[in-house]
C-alpha atoms as a PDB file:
ATOM      1  CA  MET A   1     238.749  64.898   6.017  1.00  0.00           C
ATOM      2  CA  ALA A   2     239.731  68.568   6.172  1.00  0.00           C
ATOM      3  CA  THR A   3     242.990  67.313   3.599  1.00  0.00           C
ATOM      4  CA  VAL A   4     239.848  65.523   1.563  1.00  0.00           C
ATOM      5  CA  ARG A   5     238.175  69.444   1.190  1.00  0.00           C
ATOM      6  CA  ASN A   6     240.940  71.250   0.818  1.00  0.00           C
ATOM      7  CA  GLU A   7     241.894  69.055  -2.416  1.00  0.00           C
ATOM      8  CA  VAL A   8     237.863  69.210  -3.950  1.00  0.00           C
ATOM      9  CA  ALA A   9     238.063  72.927  -3.170  1.00  0.00           C
ATOM     10  CA  THR A  10     241.877  73.317  -4.710  1.00  0.00           C
ATOM     11  CA  SER A  11     239.821  71.093  -7.774  1.00  0.00           C
ATOM     12  CA  GLU A  12     237.544  73.314  -7.853  1.00  0.00           C
ATOM     13  CA  PHE A  13     238.642  76.285  -8.037  1.00  0.00           C
ATOM     14  CA  ARG A  14     241.243  74.849 -10.801  1.00  0.00           C
ATOM     15  CA  ARG A  15     238.440  74.016 -13.428  1.00  0.00           C
ATOM     16  CA  ARG A  16     236.763  77.267 -12.541  1.00  0.00           C
ATOM     17  CA  GLU A  17     240.355  78.928 -13.333  1.00  0.00           C
ATOM     18  CA  LEU A  18     240.289  76.522 -16.499  1.00  0.00           C
ATOM     19  CA  GLY A  19     237.066  77.902 -17.927  1.00  0.00           C
ATOM     20  CA  ALA A  20     237.858  81.191 -17.413  1.00  0.00           C
ATOM     21  CA  PHE A  21     240.757  81.161 -19.176  1.00  0.00           C
ATOM     22  CA  LEU A  22     239.195  79.191 -22.041  1.00  0.00           C
ATOM     23  CA  ARG A  23     236.267  81.449 -22.105  1.00  0.00           C
ATOM     24  CA  SER A  24     238.903  85.247 -22.048  1.00  0.00           C
ATOM     25  CA  ARG A  25     241.540  83.396 -25.565  1.00  0.00           C
ATOM     26  CA  ARG A  26     237.732  82.809 -26.870  1.00  0.00           C
ATOM     27  CA  GLU A  27     236.379  86.294 -26.605  1.00  0.00           C
ATOM     28  CA  ARG A  28     240.028  88.097 -28.282  1.00  0.00           C
ATOM     29  CA  LEU A  29     239.953  85.853 -31.247  1.00  0.00           C
ATOM     30  CA  ARG A  30     238.111  87.646 -34.527  1.00  0.00           C
ATOM     31  CA  PRO A  31     236.523  84.837 -37.100  1.00  0.00           C
ATOM     32  CA  GLU A  32     238.796  85.269 -39.703  1.00  0.00           C
ATOM     33  CA  GLN A  33     241.530  84.861 -37.673  1.00  0.00           C
ATOM     34  CA  VAL A  34     241.480  80.801 -38.159  1.00  0.00           C
ATOM     35  CA  GLY A  35     239.846  80.491 -41.341  1.00  0.00           C
ATOM     36  CA  LEU A  36     235.835  81.971 -40.515  1.00  0.00           C
ATOM     37  CA  PRO A  37     234.081  84.323 -42.759  1.00  0.00           C
ATOM     38  CA  PRO A  38     232.939  87.378 -40.641  1.00  0.00           C
ATOM     39  CA  SER A  39     229.835  87.572 -39.163  1.00  0.00           C
ATOM     40  CA  ARG A  40     228.481  90.845 -38.080  1.00  0.00           C
ATOM     41  CA  ARG A  41     225.435  88.934 -36.445  1.00  0.00           C
ATOM     42  CA  ARG A  42     227.356  88.167 -33.260  1.00  0.00           C
ATOM     43  CA  ARG A  43     226.132  89.297 -29.258  1.00  0.00           C
ATOM     44  CA  THR A  44     229.043  88.628 -27.670  1.00  0.00           C
ATOM     45  CA  PRO A  45     232.773  89.447 -28.891  1.00  0.00           C
ATOM     46  CA  GLY A  46     235.355  86.431 -29.785  1.00  0.00           C
ATOM     47  CA  LEU A  47     234.203  82.820 -31.764  1.00  0.00           C
ATOM     48  CA  ARG A  48     231.603  80.838 -29.946  1.00  0.00           C
ATOM     49  CA  ARG A  49     231.568  77.969 -28.392  1.00  0.00           C
ATOM     50  CA  GLU A  50     230.026  75.630 -31.210  1.00  0.00           C
ATOM     51  CA  GLU A  51     233.310  77.871 -33.753  1.00  0.00           C
ATOM     52  CA  VAL A  52     236.323  76.481 -31.364  1.00  0.00           C
ATOM     53  CA  ALA A  53     234.534  72.385 -30.707  1.00  0.00           C
ATOM     54  CA  GLN A  54     234.366  72.021 -34.374  1.00  0.00           C
ATOM     55  CA  LEU A  55     237.718  73.467 -35.426  1.00  0.00           C
ATOM     56  CA  ALA A  56     238.878  72.256 -32.687  1.00  0.00           C
ATOM     57  CA  GLY A  57     237.165  68.397 -32.808  1.00  0.00           C
ATOM     58  CA  VAL A  58     235.461  67.944 -29.605  1.00  0.00           C
ATOM     59  CA  GLY A  59     231.413  67.930 -29.033  1.00  0.00           C
ATOM     60  CA  VAL A  60     229.869  71.516 -28.938  1.00  0.00           C
ATOM     61  CA  THR A  61     228.467  70.172 -25.264  1.00  0.00           C
ATOM     62  CA  TRP A  62     231.310  69.245 -23.624  1.00  0.00           C
ATOM     63  CA  TYR A  63     233.182  71.763 -24.546  1.00  0.00           C
ATOM     64  CA  THR A  64     230.180  73.796 -23.235  1.00  0.00           C
ATOM     65  CA  TRP A  65     230.972  71.771 -20.042  1.00  0.00           C
ATOM     66  CA  LEU A  66     234.596  72.482 -19.563  1.00  0.00           C
ATOM     67  CA  GLU A  67     234.582  76.150 -19.236  1.00  0.00           C
ATOM     68  CA  GLN A  68     232.034  75.837 -17.240  1.00  0.00           C
ATOM     69  CA  ALA A  69     234.010  74.258 -14.607  1.00  0.00           C
ATOM     70  CA  ARG A  70     232.566  70.855 -14.712  1.00  0.00           C
ATOM     71  CA  ARG A  71     233.993  67.464 -13.064  1.00  0.00           C
ATOM     72  CA  ILE A  72     235.079  66.174 -16.737  1.00  0.00           C
ATOM     73  CA  ASN A  73     238.855  64.753 -18.231  1.00  0.00           C
ATOM     74  CA  ALA A  74     240.543  66.260 -20.519  1.00  0.00           C
ATOM     75  CA  SER A  75     242.957  64.131 -22.710  1.00  0.00           C
ATOM     76  CA  PRO A  76     246.271  66.049 -23.482  1.00  0.00           C
ATOM     77  CA  GLN A  77     245.406  65.813 -26.926  1.00  0.00           C
ATOM     78  CA  VAL A  78     242.522  67.221 -27.432  1.00  0.00           C
ATOM     79  CA  LEU A  79     243.681  70.341 -24.497  1.00  0.00           C
ATOM     80  CA  ASP A  80     246.496  70.298 -27.378  1.00  0.00           C
ATOM     81  CA  ALA A  81     244.066  70.274 -30.340  1.00  0.00           C
ATOM     82  CA  ILE A  82     241.993  73.576 -28.335  1.00  0.00           C
ATOM     83  CA  ALA A  83     245.246  75.245 -27.573  1.00  0.00           C
ATOM     84  CA  ARG A  84     246.170  75.117 -31.249  1.00  0.00           C
ATOM     85  CA  THR A  85     242.979  76.992 -32.235  1.00  0.00           C
ATOM     86  CA  LEU A  86     243.037  79.134 -29.653  1.00  0.00           C
ATOM     87  CA  GLN A  87     246.138  80.309 -31.271  1.00  0.00           C
ATOM     88  CA  PHE A  88     247.972  80.115 -27.446  1.00  0.00           C
ATOM     89  CA  ASP A  89     251.986  80.524 -26.960  1.00  0.00           C
ATOM     90  CA  SER A  90     253.841  77.828 -25.212  1.00  0.00           C
ATOM     91  CA  HIS A  91     253.118  79.815 -21.698  1.00  0.00           C
ATOM     92  CA  GLU A  92     249.877  80.110 -21.808  1.00  0.00           C
ATOM     93  CA  HIS A  93     249.403  76.002 -23.506  1.00  0.00           C
ATOM     94  CA  THR A  94     251.956  75.113 -19.906  1.00  0.00           C
ATOM     95  CA  HIS A  95     249.066  77.084 -18.290  1.00  0.00           C
ATOM     96  CA  LEU A  96     246.438  75.003 -19.206  1.00  0.00           C
ATOM     97  CA  PHE A  97     247.675  72.292 -18.753  1.00  0.00           C
ATOM     98  CA  THR A  98     248.758  72.933 -15.358  1.00  0.00           C
ATOM     99  CA  LEU A  99     245.043  74.184 -14.713  1.00  0.00           C
ATOM    100  CA  ALA A 100     243.788  70.511 -15.917  1.00  0.00           C
ATOM    101  CA  GLY A 101     246.684  69.306 -13.882  1.00  0.00           C
ATOM    102  CA  LEU A 102     247.938  67.121 -16.893  1.00  0.00           C
ATOM    103  CA  PRO A 103     252.386  66.753 -16.984  1.00  0.00           C
ATOM    104  CA  THR A 104     253.653  69.480 -19.251  1.00  0.00           C
ATOM    105  CA  THR A 105     256.274  69.985 -21.309  1.00  0.00           C
ATOM    106  CA  THR A 106     259.760  71.987 -19.954  1.00  0.00           C
ATOM    107  CA  ILE A 107     260.649  72.877 -23.122  1.00  0.00           C
ATOM    108  CA  ALA A 108     260.501  76.255 -22.661  1.00  0.00           C
ATOM    109  CA  ASP A 109     261.511  76.387 -19.743  1.00  0.00           C
ATOM    110  CA  GLU A 110     264.828  74.359 -21.005  1.00  0.00           C
ATOM    111  CA  CYS A 111     265.495  76.593 -23.992  1.00  0.00           C
ATOM    112  CA  ASP A 112     265.211  79.424 -21.340  1.00  0.00           C
ATOM    113  CA  GLN A 113     267.299  77.851 -19.081  1.00  0.00           C
ATOM    114  CA  VAL A 114     270.728  76.433 -22.013  1.00  0.00           C
ATOM    115  CA  PRO A 115     273.492  78.846 -20.578  1.00  0.00           C
ATOM    116  CA  PRO A 116     274.444  81.417 -23.133  1.00  0.00           C
ATOM    117  CA  ALA A 117     278.031  79.953 -23.405  1.00  0.00           C
ATOM    118  CA  VAL A 118     276.794  76.622 -24.187  1.00  0.00           C
ATOM    119  CA  GLN A 119     274.627  78.505 -27.276  1.00  0.00           C
ATOM    120  CA  THR A 120     277.788  80.030 -27.776  1.00  0.00           C
ATOM    121  CA  LEU A 121     279.784  76.499 -28.469  1.00  0.00           C
ATOM    122  CA  VAL A 122     277.163  75.781 -30.511  1.00  0.00           C
ATOM    123  CA  ASP A 123     276.799  78.578 -33.032  1.00  0.00           C
ATOM    124  CA  ARG A 124     281.279  78.098 -33.269  1.00  0.00           C
ATOM    125  CA  LEU A 125     280.976  74.303 -34.628  1.00  0.00           C
ATOM    126  CA  GLU A 126     280.032  75.716 -37.442  1.00  0.00           C
ATOM    127  CA  PRO A 127     279.995  74.968 -40.409  1.00  0.00           C
ATOM    128  CA  TYR A 128     278.651  71.535 -38.974  1.00  0.00           C
ATOM    129  CA  PRO A 129     275.512  70.972 -37.576  1.00  0.00           C
ATOM    130  CA  ALA A 130     274.752  71.103 -33.999  1.00  0.00           C
ATOM    131  CA  ALA A 131     271.783  71.581 -31.717  1.00  0.00           C
ATOM    132  CA  VAL A 132     271.562  70.886 -27.857  1.00  0.00           C
ATOM    133  CA  LEU A 133     269.217  68.096 -27.127  1.00  0.00           C
ATOM    134  CA  ASN A 134     267.602  67.119 -23.184  1.00  0.00           C
ATOM    135  CA  ALA A 135     267.205  63.341 -22.879  1.00  0.00           C
ATOM    136  CA  ARG A 136     263.229  63.368 -24.191  1.00  0.00           C
ATOM    137  CA  TRP A 137     264.730  64.255 -27.377  1.00  0.00           C
ATOM    138  CA  ASP A 138     263.787  68.312 -26.927  1.00  0.00           C
ATOM    139  CA  LEU A 139     265.621  70.422 -29.531  1.00  0.00           C
ATOM    140  CA  LEU A 140     266.415  73.224 -26.771  1.00  0.00           C
ATOM    141  CA  ALA A 141     269.026  75.433 -28.996  1.00  0.00           C
ATOM    142  CA  PHE A 142     270.535  74.981 -32.415  1.00  0.00           C
ATOM    143  CA  ASN A 143     272.840  77.243 -34.372  1.00  0.00           C
ATOM    144  CA  ARG A 144     272.684  78.304 -38.282  1.00  0.00           C
ATOM    145  CA  VAL A 145     273.668  74.804 -40.377  1.00  0.00           C
ATOM    146  CA  ASN A 146     270.927  72.452 -38.309  1.00  0.00           C
ATOM    147  CA  LEU A 147     268.794  75.137 -39.465  1.00  0.00           C
ATOM    148  CA  SER A 148     269.520  75.539 -43.128  1.00  0.00           C
ATOM    149  CA  PHE A 149     267.950  72.060 -42.619  1.00  0.00           C
ATOM    150  CA  PHE A 150     264.651  72.867 -41.690  1.00  0.00           C
ATOM    151  CA  PRO A 151     263.388  75.852 -42.360  1.00  0.00           C
ATOM    152  CA  ASN A 152     259.825  76.224 -40.935  1.00  0.00           C
ATOM    153  CA  LEU A 153     262.027  74.702 -37.097  1.00  0.00           C
ATOM    154  CA  ALA A 154     261.688  78.699 -36.391  1.00  0.00           C
ATOM    155  CA  SER A 155     257.694  78.970 -36.585  1.00  0.00           C
ATOM    156  CA  ILE A 156     257.481  75.519 -34.381  1.00  0.00           C
ATOM    157  CA  PRO A 157     256.356  76.033 -31.127  1.00  0.00           C
ATOM    158  CA  LEU A 158     258.608  75.718 -28.359  1.00  0.00           C
ATOM    159  CA  GLU A 159     256.327  73.207 -27.244  1.00  0.00           C
ATOM    160  CA  ASP A 160     256.324  71.030 -30.146  1.00  0.00           C
ATOM    161  CA  ARG A 161     260.517  70.737 -30.527  1.00  0.00           C
ATOM    162  CA  ASN A 162     260.418  67.344 -29.936  1.00  0.00           C
ATOM    163  CA  CYS A 163     263.113  65.427 -32.964  1.00  0.00           C
ATOM    164  CA  LEU A 164     260.466  62.514 -31.881  1.00  0.00           C
ATOM    165  CA  TRP A 165     257.443  64.119 -32.516  1.00  0.00           C
ATOM    166  CA  LEU A 166     258.553  66.372 -35.702  1.00  0.00           C
ATOM    167  CA  CYS A 167     260.044  62.898 -36.885  1.00  0.00           C
ATOM    168  CA  PHE A 168     256.755  60.756 -36.788  1.00  0.00           C
ATOM    169  CA  THR A 169     254.197  64.130 -37.597  1.00  0.00           C
ATOM    170  CA  ASP A 170     256.187  66.926 -40.141  1.00  0.00           C
ATOM    171  CA  PRO A 171     257.149  66.183 -44.062  1.00  0.00           C
ATOM    172  CA  GLU A 172     259.730  68.217 -44.084  1.00  0.00           C
ATOM    173  CA  TRP A 173     261.530  66.223 -41.242  1.00  0.00           C
ATOM    174  CA  ARG A 174     260.779  62.943 -42.557  1.00  0.00           C
ATOM    175  CA  SER A 175     262.047  64.506 -46.361  1.00  0.00           C
ATOM    176  CA  VAL A 176     265.265  65.478 -44.427  1.00  0.00           C
ATOM    177  CA  LEU A 177     266.543  62.171 -43.282  1.00  0.00           C
ATOM    178  CA  VAL A 178     266.924  59.951 -45.595  1.00  0.00           C
ATOM    179  CA  ASP A 179     266.836  56.890 -43.875  1.00  0.00           C
ATOM    180  CA  TRP A 180     263.939  57.643 -42.540  1.00  0.00           C
ATOM    181  CA  GLU A 181     262.063  54.387 -41.242  1.00  0.00           C
ATOM    182  CA  ALA A 182     266.096  52.900 -39.257  1.00  0.00           C
ATOM    183  CA  THR A 183     266.129  56.413 -38.233  1.00  0.00           C
ATOM    184  CA  VAL A 184     262.937  56.343 -36.609  1.00  0.00           C
ATOM    185  CA  VAL A 185     263.548  52.591 -35.090  1.00  0.00           C
ATOM    186  CA  ARG A 186     267.022  53.404 -32.958  1.00  0.00           C
ATOM    187  CA  MET A 187     265.259  56.546 -31.246  1.00  0.00           C
ATOM    188  CA  VAL A 188     262.592  55.135 -30.610  1.00  0.00           C
ATOM    189  CA  ALA A 189     264.342  52.124 -29.399  1.00  0.00           C
ATOM    190  CA  GLU A 190     266.983  54.798 -27.538  1.00  0.00           C
ATOM    191  CA  TYR A 191     263.614  56.774 -25.916  1.00  0.00           C
ATOM    192  CA  ARG A 192     262.046  53.562 -24.460  1.00  0.00           C
ATOM    193  CA  ALA A 193     265.715  52.608 -23.029  1.00  0.00           C
ATOM    194  CA  THR A 194     266.140  56.243 -20.822  1.00  0.00           C
ATOM    195  CA  MET A 195     262.549  56.242 -20.203  1.00  0.00           C
ATOM    196  CA  ALA A 196     263.034  53.998 -17.530  1.00  0.00           C
ATOM    197  CA  GLU A 197     265.737  56.421 -15.797  1.00  0.00           C
ATOM    198  CA  HIS A 198     262.361  58.987 -15.912  1.00  0.00           C
ATOM    199  CA  ILE A 199     259.625  56.280 -14.919  1.00  0.00           C
ATOM    200  CA  ASP A 200     258.181  58.808 -12.614  1.00  0.00           C
ATOM    201  CA  ASP A 201     258.328  62.391 -14.835  1.00  0.00           C
ATOM    202  CA  PRO A 202     254.457  61.526 -16.733  1.00  0.00           C
ATOM    203  CA  ALA A 203     255.777  63.863 -19.224  1.00  0.00           C
ATOM    204  CA  TRP A 204     257.804  61.206 -20.948  1.00  0.00           C
ATOM    205  CA  GLN A 205     254.488  59.035 -21.133  1.00  0.00           C
ATOM    206  CA  ALA A 206     252.405  61.980 -22.566  1.00  0.00           C
ATOM    207  CA  LEU A 207     254.661  62.547 -25.202  1.00  0.00           C
ATOM    208  CA  VAL A 208     254.395  58.785 -25.954  1.00  0.00           C
ATOM    209  CA  ASP A 209     250.696  59.338 -25.506  1.00  0.00           C
ATOM    210  CA  ARG A 210     250.108  61.846 -27.659  1.00  0.00           C
ATOM    211  CA  LEU A 211     252.837  59.942 -30.606  1.00  0.00           C
ATOM    212  CA  HIS A 212     250.558  56.961 -30.542  1.00  0.00           C
ATOM    213  CA  HIS A 213     247.366  59.736 -30.894  1.00  0.00           C
ATOM    214  CA  ALA A 214     248.622  60.763 -34.467  1.00  0.00           C
ATOM    215  CA  SER A 215     250.713  58.695 -35.752  1.00  0.00           C
ATOM    216  CA  PRO A 216     250.304  54.932 -36.300  1.00  0.00           C
ATOM    217  CA  GLU A 217     253.916  55.040 -38.067  1.00  0.00           C
ATOM    218  CA  PHE A 218     254.844  55.124 -33.695  1.00  0.00           C
ATOM    219  CA  ARG A 219     252.232  53.083 -32.715  1.00  0.00           C
ATOM    220  CA  ALA A 220     254.111  50.469 -34.665  1.00  0.00           C
ATOM    221  CA  VAL A 221     257.366  51.160 -33.628  1.00  0.00           C
ATOM    222  CA  TRP A 222     256.853  51.324 -29.859  1.00  0.00           C
ATOM    223  CA  GLU A 223     254.649  48.341 -30.404  1.00  0.00           C
ATOM    224  CA  ARG A 224     258.288  46.418 -30.648  1.00  0.00           C
ATOM    225  CA  HIS A 225     259.793  47.285 -27.416  1.00  0.00           C
ATOM    226  CA  ASP A 226     263.398  47.825 -29.200  1.00  0.00           C
ATOM    227  CA  VAL A 227     265.679  49.084 -26.261  1.00  0.00           C
ATOM    228  CA  ALA A 228     268.910  50.541 -28.190  1.00  0.00           C
ATOM    229  CA  ALA A 229     271.967  52.537 -26.236  1.00  0.00           C
ATOM    230  CA  MET A 230     272.075  56.107 -27.336  1.00  0.00           C
ATOM    231  CA  THR A 231     275.425  55.572 -28.792  1.00  0.00           C
ATOM    232  CA  GLY A 232     276.998  57.846 -32.162  1.00  0.00           C
ATOM    233  CA  ASN A 233     276.207  56.689 -35.755  1.00  0.00           C
ATOM    234  CA  ALA A 234     275.596  58.208 -39.294  1.00  0.00           C
ATOM    235  CA  LYS A 235     272.645  59.536 -40.673  1.00  0.00           C
ATOM    236  CA  HIS A 236     272.501  60.406 -44.828  1.00  0.00           C
ATOM    237  CA  MET A 237     270.321  63.750 -44.857  1.00  0.00           C
ATOM    238  CA  ARG A 238     268.851  65.719 -47.584  1.00  0.00           C
ATOM    239  CA  HIS A 239     269.548  69.016 -48.019  1.00  0.00           C
ATOM    240  CA  PRO A 240     266.087  71.366 -49.497  1.00  0.00           C
ATOM    241  CA  THR A 241     269.187  73.380 -51.825  1.00  0.00           C
ATOM    242  CA  ALA A 242     271.788  71.738 -51.528  1.00  0.00           C
ATOM    243  CA  GLY A 243     271.217  68.025 -51.513  1.00  0.00           C
ATOM    244  CA  LEU A 244     272.659  64.877 -50.527  1.00  0.00           C
ATOM    245  CA  PHE A 245     274.783  65.036 -47.033  1.00  0.00           C
ATOM    246  CA  ARG A 246     276.805  61.986 -45.252  1.00  0.00           C
ATOM    247  CA  PHE A 247     277.053  62.425 -41.683  1.00  0.00           C
ATOM    248  CA  VAL A 248     278.316  60.667 -38.631  1.00  0.00           C
ATOM    249  CA  TYR A 249     277.361  62.178 -36.062  1.00  0.00           C
ATOM    250  CA  THR A 250     278.383  62.732 -32.097  1.00  0.00           C
ATOM    251  CA  ASN A 251     277.250  62.936 -28.738  1.00  0.00           C
ATOM    252  CA  LEU A 252     278.879  65.442 -26.051  1.00  0.00           C
ATOM    253  CA  TRP A 253     277.323  65.758 -23.014  1.00  0.00           C
ATOM    254  CA  LEU A 254     276.935  68.737 -20.594  1.00  0.00           C
ATOM    255  CA  GLU A 255     278.260  68.625 -17.789  1.00  0.00           C
ATOM    256  CA  HIS A 256     276.806  71.022 -15.520  1.00  0.00           C
ATOM    257  CA  ARG A 257     273.427  69.058 -17.058  1.00  0.00           C
ATOM    258  CA  PRO A 258     273.799  64.924 -17.146  1.00  0.00           C
ATOM    259  CA  ASN A 259     270.362  64.469 -18.904  1.00  0.00           C
ATOM    260  CA  SER A 260     271.859  66.983 -21.882  1.00  0.00           C
ATOM    261  CA  ARG A 261     273.860  67.350 -24.934  1.00  0.00           C
ATOM    262  CA  ILE A 262     275.227  68.885 -28.081  1.00  0.00           C
ATOM    263  CA  VAL A 263     274.893  67.108 -30.571  1.00  0.00           C
ATOM    264  CA  VAL A 264     277.150  68.177 -33.181  1.00  0.00           C
ATOM    265  CA  LEU A 265     276.762  66.448 -37.211  1.00  0.00           C
ATOM    266  CA  THR A 266     280.716  66.029 -38.704  1.00  0.00           C
ATOM    267  CA  PRO A 267     280.940  65.196 -42.431  1.00  0.00           C
ATOM    268  CA  GLY A 268     280.806  61.533 -43.623  1.00  0.00           C
ATOM    269  CA  ASP A 269     283.089  61.995 -46.603  1.00  0.00           C
ATOM    270  CA  ALA A 270     285.140  64.303 -48.112  1.00  0.00           C
ATOM    271  CA  GLU A 271     282.330  65.723 -50.598  1.00  0.00           C
ATOM    272  CA  THR A 272     279.964  65.887 -47.726  1.00  0.00           C
ATOM    273  CA  THR A 273     283.061  68.387 -46.115  1.00  0.00           C
ATOM    274  CA  ARG A 274     283.067  70.354 -49.779  1.00  0.00           C
ATOM    275  CA  LYS A 275     279.476  70.936 -49.787  1.00  0.00           C
ATOM    276  CA  LEU A 276     279.718  71.762 -46.090  1.00  0.00           C
ATOM    277  CA  GLN A 277     281.986  74.563 -46.813  1.00  0.00           C
ATOM    278  CA  GLU A 278     279.660  75.874 -49.207  1.00  0.00           C
ATOM    279  CA  LEU A 279     276.949  76.112 -47.940  1.00  0.00           C
ATOM    280  CA  HIS A 280     278.366  77.632 -45.014  1.00  0.00           C
ATOM    281  CA  GLU A 281     279.843  79.549 -46.385  1.00  0.00           C
ATOM    282  CA  SER A 282     276.209  81.316 -48.642  1.00  0.00           C
ATOM    283  CA  LEU A 283     274.857  81.425 -44.858  1.00  0.00           C
ATOM    284  CA  VAL A 284     277.110  83.913 -43.616  1.00  0.00           C
ATOM    285  CA  LEU A 285     276.922  85.689 -46.931  1.00  0.00           C
ATOM    286  CA  ALA A 286     273.019  86.034 -46.584  1.00  0.00           C
ATOM    287  CA  THR A 287     273.233  86.930 -42.701  1.00  0.00           C
ATOM    288  CA  PRO A 288     272.738  90.858 -41.863  1.00  0.00           C
END
């Protein structure tokens, strides 16, 4: 009985903390920061509850209850929408999910844990594009040449730097992948196969749920139940300024983190070798 009372008390404390956290973040934002016209007739600082609800696409009553610590359920998709509306950074996003008792992605922590020696290796692999991924396809580190293919990457929040998520939801990423359909079909099959080894980790299912909500194309591919081993393959990519590149990608598994790997793209033909060298030289000259 004491255990049940403790669990109830903990749950109530989390709800109160969540409500206070949302309220404090709502009150720090001005209307013009979220695209609303400024108003002088505001008795309280920041945004109104109905404004947050409207921008996040949720009901006003439901959002009010959330701030009032009522016993309601909040899905990851809804909390993501609220976090984007309130302009949360990665730490605030993680804190929100923790208070709600939902699984959080650990990409921010994993990025911090990439050893400097690994980042140095990834940088030294230039002119070849290279990146560090974990088993869940979270993008943990990358070099300058890799970044040049996806120039919006630096502005993407850490919690969204997942290759599956970006392939299905970011038009810029999709435009880079010449064989987009074949690429995502294989990625989803590899994800499903690897997910069987992490069935007790709720973050894996949370990503699937999020993609189900965001992308009908993902839902169609996921429902095929294809599985595939994670192996190297050919990849054609269209650089935003340098044109078509033909690559072969190789996975180099990290010894100290067996679920993480360095993905290296090497030239698939002489033309790509030449263009890659020219691209690298231009990036070096442009670096202060």
